[in-house]
């Protein structure tokens, strides 16, 4: 498996120019014929945050310290996950004409979508830290530990991208099922409510949700100033590697079918 990953990284370097052009094209296409262009990368999550803050602060934020940052942390991570995995799911079909005419590794199209999502996430992350500063939360060296859950989430998203892109080629209904799934996932990721309203045993059940693990890590470091324990680090990495391996296996197993369905 390690050798397989190294081989794929080598191919990405080999097709570096094509890969960079795909990322540029995806980014330009997303904001084509828009007045604000890239600014929407920042405005979109901020508008979502504003709506959620207005709706949920009255019900869930009364007794929650730094509730806007609590809400922003959940929305930031979940939006990154949703953006990256949705893009990965449609990557092959959106590039069907190129795949049919040029012999290049197909996973390049999926990974390019992940990079585009990372760029959007990075822009939003800058605004997130501005909100943190305005809310009076002091910056500390512990914030550098946030690179760990971000890296794990990127790996997790790539794995999900492999799974979804392979399934979507042969099973178009997956896009509608996945839309319902992400909607349900949002409600069980404790984005706008706190888990301390539940008994301790129920609180542990939330950690079965991979996305919640990354959200909880952010909140622990930024809001509470506490680096999560080792078992939390293990869960973040474990979910990421498990999904990546499963994604690569599923993608490789169905790779020969793609040309028949695209």
C-alpha atoms as a PDB file:
ATOM      1  CA  UNK A   1       0.000   0.000   0.000  1.00  0.00           C
ATOM      2  CA  UNK A   2       2.852   2.383   0.852  1.00  0.00           C
ATOM      3  CA  UNK A   3       4.494   1.609  -2.485  1.00  0.00           C
ATOM      4  CA  UNK A   4       1.187   2.282  -4.230  1.00  0.00           C
ATOM      5  CA  UNK A   5       0.926   5.702  -2.568  1.00  0.00           C
ATOM      6  CA  UNK A   6       4.520   6.520  -3.536  1.00  0.00           C
ATOM      7  CA  UNK A   7       3.786   5.519  -7.141  1.00  0.00           C
ATOM      8  CA  UNK A   8       0.755   7.799  -7.272  1.00  0.00           C
ATOM      9  CA  UNK A   9       2.739  10.712  -5.826  1.00  0.00           C
ATOM     10  CA  UNK A  10       5.412  10.080  -8.469  1.00  0.00           C
ATOM     11  CA  UNK A  11       2.754  10.201 -11.204  1.00  0.00           C
ATOM     12  CA  UNK A  12       1.388  13.473  -9.858  1.00  0.00           C
ATOM     13  CA  UNK A  13       4.899  14.936 -10.104  1.00  0.00           C
ATOM     14  CA  UNK A  14       5.220  13.505 -13.618  1.00  0.00           C
ATOM     15  CA  UNK A  15       2.003  15.225 -14.691  1.00  0.00           C
ATOM     16  CA  UNK A  16       2.627  18.300 -12.563  1.00  0.00           C
ATOM     17  CA  UNK A  17       1.790  20.780 -15.334  1.00  0.00           C
ATOM     18  CA  UNK A  18      -1.522  19.070 -16.154  1.00  0.00           C
ATOM     19  CA  UNK A  19      -2.340  18.819 -12.461  1.00  0.00           C
ATOM     20  CA  UNK A  20      -1.712  22.529 -11.857  1.00  0.00           C
ATOM     21  CA  UNK A  21      -3.801  23.437 -14.902  1.00  0.00           C
ATOM     22  CA  UNK A  22      -6.675  21.310 -13.617  1.00  0.00           C
ATOM     23  CA  UNK A  23      -6.592  23.110 -10.271  1.00  0.00           C
ATOM     24  CA  UNK A  24      -6.531  26.519 -11.986  1.00  0.00           C
ATOM     25  CA  UNK A  25      -9.361  25.518 -14.311  1.00  0.00           C
ATOM     26  CA  UNK A  26     -11.554  24.252 -11.465  1.00  0.00           C
ATOM     27  CA  UNK A  27     -10.981  27.428  -9.506  1.00  0.00           C
ATOM     28  CA  UNK A  28     -11.725  29.712 -12.465  1.00  0.00           C
ATOM     29  CA  UNK A  29     -14.757  27.666 -13.500  1.00  0.00           C
ATOM     30  CA  UNK A  30     -16.268  27.852 -10.032  1.00  0.00           C
ATOM     31  CA  UNK A  31     -16.344  31.650 -10.095  1.00  0.00           C
ATOM     32  CA  UNK A  32     -16.851  32.188 -13.815  1.00  0.00           C
ATOM     33  CA  UNK A  33     -19.195  35.091 -14.651  1.00  0.00           C
ATOM     34  CA  UNK A  34     -19.431  36.145 -10.995  1.00  0.00           C
ATOM     35  CA  UNK A  35     -18.849  39.758  -9.999  1.00  0.00           C
ATOM     36  CA  UNK A  36     -17.087  38.995  -6.716  1.00  0.00           C
ATOM     37  CA  UNK A  37     -15.127  35.981  -7.956  1.00  0.00           C
ATOM     38  CA  UNK A  38     -12.872  34.432  -5.287  1.00  0.00           C
ATOM     39  CA  UNK A  39     -14.453  36.631  -2.621  1.00  0.00           C
ATOM     40  CA  UNK A  40     -17.335  34.139  -2.607  1.00  0.00           C
ATOM     41  CA  UNK A  41     -14.913  31.615  -1.049  1.00  0.00           C
ATOM     42  CA  UNK A  42     -14.977  33.821   2.025  1.00  0.00           C
ATOM     43  CA  UNK A  43     -18.491  35.264   1.808  1.00  0.00           C
ATOM     44  CA  UNK A  44     -20.262  31.929   1.432  1.00  0.00           C
ATOM     45  CA  UNK A  45     -19.160  30.399   4.782  1.00  0.00           C
ATOM     46  CA  UNK A  46     -19.578  33.781   6.495  1.00  0.00           C
ATOM     47  CA  UNK A  47     -23.166  34.058   5.276  1.00  0.00           C
ATOM     48  CA  UNK A  48     -23.848  30.511   6.468  1.00  0.00           C
ATOM     49  CA  UNK A  49     -22.297  31.397   9.825  1.00  0.00           C
ATOM     50  CA  UNK A  50     -24.408  34.553  10.103  1.00  0.00           C
ATOM     51  CA  UNK A  51     -27.637  32.652   9.444  1.00  0.00           C
ATOM     52  CA  UNK A  52     -26.740  29.880  11.892  1.00  0.00           C
ATOM     53  CA  UNK A  53     -25.686  32.411  14.527  1.00  0.00           C
ATOM     54  CA  UNK A  54     -29.008  34.256  14.274  1.00  0.00           C
ATOM     55  CA  UNK A  55     -31.038  31.047  14.344  1.00  0.00           C
ATOM     56  CA  UNK A  56     -29.180  29.034  16.970  1.00  0.00           C
ATOM     57  CA  UNK A  57     -27.625  31.546  19.392  1.00  0.00           C
ATOM     58  CA  UNK A  58     -30.958  32.124  21.100  1.00  0.00           C
ATOM     59  CA  UNK A  59     -31.528  28.394  21.656  1.00  0.00           C
ATOM     60  CA  UNK A  60     -28.049  26.885  22.100  1.00  0.00           C
ATOM     61  CA  UNK A  61     -25.593  29.739  22.621  1.00  0.00           C
ATOM     62  CA  UNK A  62     -26.883  31.404  25.755  1.00  0.00           C
ATOM     63  CA  UNK A  63     -24.571  29.563  28.141  1.00  0.00           C
ATOM     64  CA  UNK A  64     -21.818  28.590  25.690  1.00  0.00           C
ATOM     65  CA  UNK A  65     -18.595  30.567  25.964  1.00  0.00           C
ATOM     66  CA  UNK A  66     -17.311  31.909  22.628  1.00  0.00           C
ATOM     67  CA  UNK A  67     -20.351  30.437  20.899  1.00  0.00           C
ATOM     68  CA  UNK A  68     -19.666  32.163  17.556  1.00  0.00           C
ATOM     69  CA  UNK A  69     -16.202  30.550  17.420  1.00  0.00           C
ATOM     70  CA  UNK A  70     -17.740  27.259  18.549  1.00  0.00           C
ATOM     71  CA  UNK A  71     -20.216  27.520  15.678  1.00  0.00           C
ATOM     72  CA  UNK A  72     -17.594  28.723  13.186  1.00  0.00           C
ATOM     73  CA  UNK A  73     -15.261  25.826  14.060  1.00  0.00           C
ATOM     74  CA  UNK A  74     -17.942  23.272  13.268  1.00  0.00           C
ATOM     75  CA  UNK A  75     -19.090  25.019  10.108  1.00  0.00           C
ATOM     76  CA  UNK A  76     -15.494  25.499   8.894  1.00  0.00           C
ATOM     77  CA  UNK A  77     -14.534  21.832   9.158  1.00  0.00           C
ATOM     78  CA  UNK A  78     -17.834  20.460   7.899  1.00  0.00           C
ATOM     79  CA  UNK A  79     -17.904  22.808   4.892  1.00  0.00           C
ATOM     80  CA  UNK A  80     -14.369  21.734   3.963  1.00  0.00           C
ATOM     81  CA  UNK A  81     -15.353  18.083   4.197  1.00  0.00           C
ATOM     82  CA  UNK A  82     -18.516  18.576   2.148  1.00  0.00           C
ATOM     83  CA  UNK A  83     -16.839  20.738  -0.505  1.00  0.00           C
ATOM     84  CA  UNK A  84     -13.915  18.341  -0.967  1.00  0.00           C
ATOM     85  CA  UNK A  85     -15.955  15.142  -1.092  1.00  0.00           C
ATOM     86  CA  UNK A  86     -18.645  16.538  -3.387  1.00  0.00           C
ATOM     87  CA  UNK A  87     -15.970  17.785  -5.767  1.00  0.00           C
ATOM     88  CA  UNK A  88     -14.186  14.443  -5.680  1.00  0.00           C
ATOM     89  CA  UNK A  89     -17.405  12.563  -6.399  1.00  0.00           C
ATOM     90  CA  UNK A  90     -18.041  14.428  -9.675  1.00  0.00           C
ATOM     91  CA  UNK A  91     -14.397  14.687 -10.754  1.00  0.00           C
ATOM     92  CA  UNK A  92     -14.326  11.803 -13.238  1.00  0.00           C
ATOM     93  CA  UNK A  93     -17.644  12.510 -14.929  1.00  0.00           C
ATOM     94  CA  UNK A  94     -16.895  16.225 -15.276  1.00  0.00           C
ATOM     95  CA  UNK A  95     -13.657  15.365 -17.081  1.00  0.00           C
ATOM     96  CA  UNK A  96     -15.049  12.543 -19.214  1.00  0.00           C
ATOM     97  CA  UNK A  97     -13.981  14.146 -22.502  1.00  0.00           C
ATOM     98  CA  UNK A  98     -10.366  14.437 -21.370  1.00  0.00           C
ATOM     99  CA  UNK A  99     -10.287  10.909 -19.965  1.00  0.00           C
ATOM    100  CA  UNK A 100     -11.620   9.456 -23.217  1.00  0.00           C
ATOM    101  CA  UNK A 101      -9.032  11.206 -25.383  1.00  0.00           C
ATOM    102  CA  UNK A 102      -5.887  11.418 -23.251  1.00  0.00           C
ATOM    103  CA  UNK A 103      -4.207   8.581 -21.421  1.00  0.00           C
ATOM    104  CA  UNK A 104      -3.488  10.076 -17.993  1.00  0.00           C
ATOM    105  CA  UNK A 105      -4.040   8.732 -14.466  1.00  0.00           C
ATOM    106  CA  UNK A 106      -7.708   9.293 -13.736  1.00  0.00           C
ATOM    107  CA  UNK A 107      -7.207   9.985 -10.053  1.00  0.00           C
ATOM    108  CA  UNK A 108      -5.429  13.250 -10.968  1.00  0.00           C
ATOM    109  CA  UNK A 109      -8.841  14.785 -11.640  1.00  0.00           C
ATOM    110  CA  UNK A 110     -10.144  13.754  -8.249  1.00  0.00           C
ATOM    111  CA  UNK A 111      -7.048  14.944  -6.355  1.00  0.00           C
ATOM    112  CA  UNK A 112      -7.160  18.302  -8.196  1.00  0.00           C
ATOM    113  CA  UNK A 113     -10.652  18.831  -6.757  1.00  0.00           C
ATOM    114  CA  UNK A 114      -9.256  18.160  -3.288  1.00  0.00           C
ATOM    115  CA  UNK A 115      -6.542  20.779  -3.822  1.00  0.00           C
ATOM    116  CA  UNK A 116      -9.153  23.324  -4.947  1.00  0.00           C
ATOM    117  CA  UNK A 117     -11.146  22.601  -1.778  1.00  0.00           C
ATOM    118  CA  UNK A 118      -7.969  23.049   0.289  1.00  0.00           C
ATOM    119  CA  UNK A 119      -7.425  26.497  -1.238  1.00  0.00           C
ATOM    120  CA  UNK A 120     -10.983  27.540  -0.352  1.00  0.00           C
ATOM    121  CA  UNK A 121     -10.484  26.145   3.147  1.00  0.00           C
ATOM    122  CA  UNK A 122      -7.240  28.087   3.561  1.00  0.00           C
ATOM    123  CA  UNK A 123      -8.927  31.365   2.613  1.00  0.00           C
ATOM    124  CA  UNK A 124     -11.762  30.731   5.066  1.00  0.00           C
ATOM    125  CA  UNK A 125      -9.271  29.719   7.771  1.00  0.00           C
ATOM    126  CA  UNK A 126      -7.733  33.215   7.624  1.00  0.00           C
ATOM    127  CA  UNK A 127     -11.159  34.748   8.334  1.00  0.00           C
ATOM    128  CA  UNK A 128     -11.695  32.184  11.099  1.00  0.00           C
ATOM    129  CA  UNK A 129      -8.570  33.338  12.952  1.00  0.00           C
ATOM    130  CA  UNK A 130      -9.641  36.965  12.524  1.00  0.00           C
ATOM    131  CA  UNK A 131     -12.901  36.055  14.271  1.00  0.00           C
ATOM    132  CA  UNK A 132     -10.881  34.305  16.982  1.00  0.00           C
ATOM    133  CA  UNK A 133      -8.861  37.472  17.568  1.00  0.00           C
ATOM    134  CA  UNK A 134     -11.948  39.717  17.619  1.00  0.00           C
ATOM    135  CA  UNK A 135     -13.608  37.355  20.126  1.00  0.00           C
ATOM    136  CA  UNK A 136     -10.713  37.930  22.519  1.00  0.00           C
ATOM    137  CA  UNK A 137      -9.230  34.431  22.389  1.00  0.00           C
ATOM    138  CA  UNK A 138      -5.433  34.731  22.827  1.00  0.00           C
ATOM    139  CA  UNK A 139      -3.209  33.103  20.220  1.00  0.00           C
ATOM    140  CA  UNK A 140      -0.724  30.531  21.451  1.00  0.00           C
ATOM    141  CA  UNK A 141       1.805  28.048  20.110  1.00  0.00           C
ATOM    142  CA  UNK A 142      -0.814  25.340  20.671  1.00  0.00           C
ATOM    143  CA  UNK A 143      -2.580  26.603  17.553  1.00  0.00           C
ATOM    144  CA  UNK A 144       0.169  24.986  15.475  1.00  0.00           C
ATOM    145  CA  UNK A 145      -1.188  21.601  16.562  1.00  0.00           C
ATOM    146  CA  UNK A 146      -4.217  22.335  14.367  1.00  0.00           C
ATOM    147  CA  UNK A 147      -2.041  21.316  11.429  1.00  0.00           C
ATOM    148  CA  UNK A 148      -2.493  17.728  12.631  1.00  0.00           C
ATOM    149  CA  UNK A 149      -6.308  17.473  12.300  1.00  0.00           C
ATOM    150  CA  UNK A 150      -6.154  19.482   9.066  1.00  0.00           C
ATOM    151  CA  UNK A 151      -3.658  17.018   7.572  1.00  0.00           C
ATOM    152  CA  UNK A 152      -5.754  14.071   8.764  1.00  0.00           C
ATOM    153  CA  UNK A 153      -8.909  15.608   7.316  1.00  0.00           C
ATOM    154  CA  UNK A 154      -7.209  16.169   3.946  1.00  0.00           C
ATOM    155  CA  UNK A 155      -6.236  12.466   3.875  1.00  0.00           C
ATOM    156  CA  UNK A 156      -9.767  11.518   4.942  1.00  0.00           C
ATOM    157  CA  UNK A 157     -11.291  13.667   2.180  1.00  0.00           C
ATOM    158  CA  UNK A 158      -9.034  12.126  -0.458  1.00  0.00           C
ATOM    159  CA  UNK A 159     -10.099   8.654   0.656  1.00  0.00           C
ATOM    160  CA  UNK A 160     -13.761   9.658   0.489  1.00  0.00           C
ATOM    161  CA  UNK A 161     -13.095  11.181  -2.934  1.00  0.00           C
ATOM    162  CA  UNK A 162     -11.745   7.858  -4.197  1.00  0.00           C
ATOM    163  CA  UNK A 163     -14.799   5.996  -2.900  1.00  0.00           C
ATOM    164  CA  UNK A 164     -17.410   8.475  -4.137  1.00  0.00           C
ATOM    165  CA  UNK A 165     -15.847   9.065  -7.573  1.00  0.00           C
ATOM    166  CA  UNK A 166     -15.649   5.313  -8.205  1.00  0.00           C
ATOM    167  CA  UNK A 167     -19.247   4.752  -7.070  1.00  0.00           C
ATOM    168  CA  UNK A 168     -20.667   7.741  -8.944  1.00  0.00           C
ATOM    169  CA  UNK A 169     -19.327   6.536 -12.298  1.00  0.00           C
ATOM    170  CA  UNK A 170     -21.383   3.343 -12.127  1.00  0.00           C
ATOM    171  CA  UNK A 171     -24.153   4.409  -9.751  1.00  0.00           C
ATOM    172  CA  UNK A 172     -25.467   7.924 -10.460  1.00  0.00           C
ATOM    173  CA  UNK A 173     -28.009   7.819  -7.638  1.00  0.00           C
ATOM    174  CA  UNK A 174     -25.131   8.087  -5.172  1.00  0.00           C
ATOM    175  CA  UNK A 175     -25.183  11.892  -5.555  1.00  0.00           C
ATOM    176  CA  UNK A 176     -28.703  12.093  -4.135  1.00  0.00           C
ATOM    177  CA  UNK A 177     -28.030   9.564  -1.407  1.00  0.00           C
ATOM    178  CA  UNK A 178     -24.867  11.403  -0.448  1.00  0.00           C
ATOM    179  CA  UNK A 179     -26.740  14.695  -0.240  1.00  0.00           C
ATOM    180  CA  UNK A 180     -29.114  13.135   2.292  1.00  0.00           C
ATOM    181  CA  UNK A 181     -26.189  11.541   4.117  1.00  0.00           C
ATOM    182  CA  UNK A 182     -24.295  14.830   4.509  1.00  0.00           C
ATOM    183  CA  UNK A 183     -27.457  16.526   5.722  1.00  0.00           C
ATOM    184  CA  UNK A 184     -27.858  13.891   8.428  1.00  0.00           C
ATOM    185  CA  UNK A 185     -24.137  14.000   9.205  1.00  0.00           C
ATOM    186  CA  UNK A 186     -24.350  17.740   9.835  1.00  0.00           C
ATOM    187  CA  UNK A 187     -26.935  17.216  12.564  1.00  0.00           C
ATOM    188  CA  UNK A 188     -24.902  14.533  14.345  1.00  0.00           C
ATOM    189  CA  UNK A 189     -21.642  16.509  14.170  1.00  0.00           C
ATOM    190  CA  UNK A 190     -22.635  18.891  16.999  1.00  0.00           C
ATOM    191  CA  UNK A 191     -22.036  21.972  14.855  1.00  0.00           C
ATOM    192  CA  UNK A 192     -24.565  24.267  16.546  1.00  0.00           C
ATOM    193  CA  UNK A 193     -25.200  22.468  19.858  1.00  0.00           C
ATOM    194  CA  UNK A 194     -22.907  21.222  22.620  1.00  0.00           C
ATOM    195  CA  UNK A 195     -22.522  17.555  23.505  1.00  0.00           C
ATOM    196  CA  UNK A 196     -22.441  18.230  27.252  1.00  0.00           C
ATOM    197  CA  UNK A 197     -26.246  18.213  27.220  1.00  0.00           C
ATOM    198  CA  UNK A 198     -25.969  14.413  26.905  1.00  0.00           C
ATOM    199  CA  UNK A 199     -24.788  11.807  29.444  1.00  0.00           C
ATOM    200  CA  UNK A 200     -21.023  10.973  29.352  1.00  0.00           C
ATOM    201  CA  UNK A 201     -21.576   7.655  27.572  1.00  0.00           C
ATOM    202  CA  UNK A 202     -23.598   9.319  24.820  1.00  0.00           C
ATOM    203  CA  UNK A 203     -20.908  11.977  24.446  1.00  0.00           C
ATOM    204  CA  UNK A 204     -18.408   9.242  23.593  1.00  0.00           C
ATOM    205  CA  UNK A 205     -20.720   7.973  20.835  1.00  0.00           C
ATOM    206  CA  UNK A 206     -20.126  11.235  18.943  1.00  0.00           C
ATOM    207  CA  UNK A 207     -16.509  10.191  18.409  1.00  0.00           C
ATOM    208  CA  UNK A 208     -17.748   7.402  16.136  1.00  0.00           C
ATOM    209  CA  UNK A 209     -18.353  10.225  13.664  1.00  0.00           C
ATOM    210  CA  UNK A 210     -14.993  10.998  11.977  1.00  0.00           C
ATOM    211  CA  UNK A 211     -15.950  14.587  11.108  1.00  0.00           C
ATOM    212  CA  UNK A 212     -16.872  15.312  14.719  1.00  0.00           C
ATOM    213  CA  UNK A 213     -13.364  14.240  15.790  1.00  0.00           C
ATOM    214  CA  UNK A 214     -11.774  16.958  13.676  1.00  0.00           C
ATOM    215  CA  UNK A 215     -14.306  19.552  14.821  1.00  0.00           C
ATOM    216  CA  UNK A 216     -13.780  18.638  18.486  1.00  0.00           C
ATOM    217  CA  UNK A 217      -9.991  18.891  18.058  1.00  0.00           C
ATOM    218  CA  UNK A 218     -10.294  22.452  16.714  1.00  0.00           C
ATOM    219  CA  UNK A 219     -12.618  23.517  19.524  1.00  0.00           C
ATOM    220  CA  UNK A 220     -10.449  21.978  22.201  1.00  0.00           C
ATOM    221  CA  UNK A 221      -7.320  23.818  21.066  1.00  0.00           C
ATOM    222  CA  UNK A 222      -8.835  27.174  20.038  1.00  0.00           C
ATOM    223  CA  UNK A 223     -11.586  27.675  22.623  1.00  0.00           C
ATOM    224  CA  UNK A 224     -10.319  25.682  25.598  1.00  0.00           C
ATOM    225  CA  UNK A 225      -6.577  25.990  24.966  1.00  0.00           C
ATOM    226  CA  UNK A 226      -6.185  22.254  25.534  1.00  0.00           C
ATOM    227  CA  UNK A 227      -4.400  19.819  23.220  1.00  0.00           C
ATOM    228  CA  UNK A 228      -6.555  16.663  22.970  1.00  0.00           C
ATOM    229  CA  UNK A 229      -5.279  13.390  24.486  1.00  0.00           C
ATOM    230  CA  UNK A 230      -3.363  10.744  22.520  1.00  0.00           C
ATOM    231  CA  UNK A 231      -6.446   8.595  21.949  1.00  0.00           C
ATOM    232  CA  UNK A 232      -8.081  11.539  20.155  1.00  0.00           C
ATOM    233  CA  UNK A 233      -4.990  11.906  17.947  1.00  0.00           C
ATOM    234  CA  UNK A 234      -5.189   8.184  17.245  1.00  0.00           C
ATOM    235  CA  UNK A 235      -8.829   8.423  16.180  1.00  0.00           C
ATOM    236  CA  UNK A 236      -8.136  11.335  13.823  1.00  0.00           C
ATOM    237  CA  UNK A 237      -5.297   9.484  12.097  1.00  0.00           C
ATOM    238  CA  UNK A 238      -7.023   6.099  12.262  1.00  0.00           C
ATOM    239  CA  UNK A 239     -10.165   7.320  10.491  1.00  0.00           C
ATOM    240  CA  UNK A 240      -8.064   9.110   7.859  1.00  0.00           C
ATOM    241  CA  UNK A 241      -5.880   6.105   7.029  1.00  0.00           C
ATOM    242  CA  UNK A 242      -8.766   3.614   7.140  1.00  0.00           C
ATOM    243  CA  UNK A 243     -10.840   5.635   4.662  1.00  0.00           C
ATOM    244  CA  UNK A 244      -7.821   6.330   2.433  1.00  0.00           C
ATOM    245  CA  UNK A 245      -6.920   2.626   2.219  1.00  0.00           C
ATOM    246  CA  UNK A 246     -10.548   1.628   1.635  1.00  0.00           C
ATOM    247  CA  UNK A 247     -10.869   4.325  -1.029  1.00  0.00           C
ATOM    248  CA  UNK A 248      -7.748   3.228  -2.883  1.00  0.00           C
ATOM    249  CA  UNK A 249      -8.868  -0.407  -2.839  1.00  0.00           C
ATOM    250  CA  UNK A 250     -12.380   0.422  -4.121  1.00  0.00           C
ATOM    251  CA  UNK A 251     -11.009   2.815  -6.744  1.00  0.00           C
ATOM    252  CA  UNK A 252      -8.451   0.314  -8.021  1.00  0.00           C
ATOM    253  CA  UNK A 253     -10.984  -2.510  -8.050  1.00  0.00           C
ATOM    254  CA  UNK A 254     -13.415  -0.515 -10.213  1.00  0.00           C
ATOM    255  CA  UNK A 255     -10.865   1.327 -12.336  1.00  0.00           C
ATOM    256  CA  UNK A 256     -11.339  -0.960 -15.355  1.00  0.00           C
ATOM    257  CA  UNK A 257     -15.090  -0.144 -15.445  1.00  0.00           C
ATOM    258  CA  UNK A 258     -14.678   3.601 -15.803  1.00  0.00           C
ATOM    259  CA  UNK A 259     -14.183   3.697 -19.572  1.00  0.00           C
ATOM    260  CA  UNK A 260     -17.398   1.687 -20.067  1.00  0.00           C
ATOM    261  CA  UNK A 261     -19.569   4.067 -18.013  1.00  0.00           C
ATOM    262  CA  UNK A 262     -18.028   7.478 -18.666  1.00  0.00           C
END
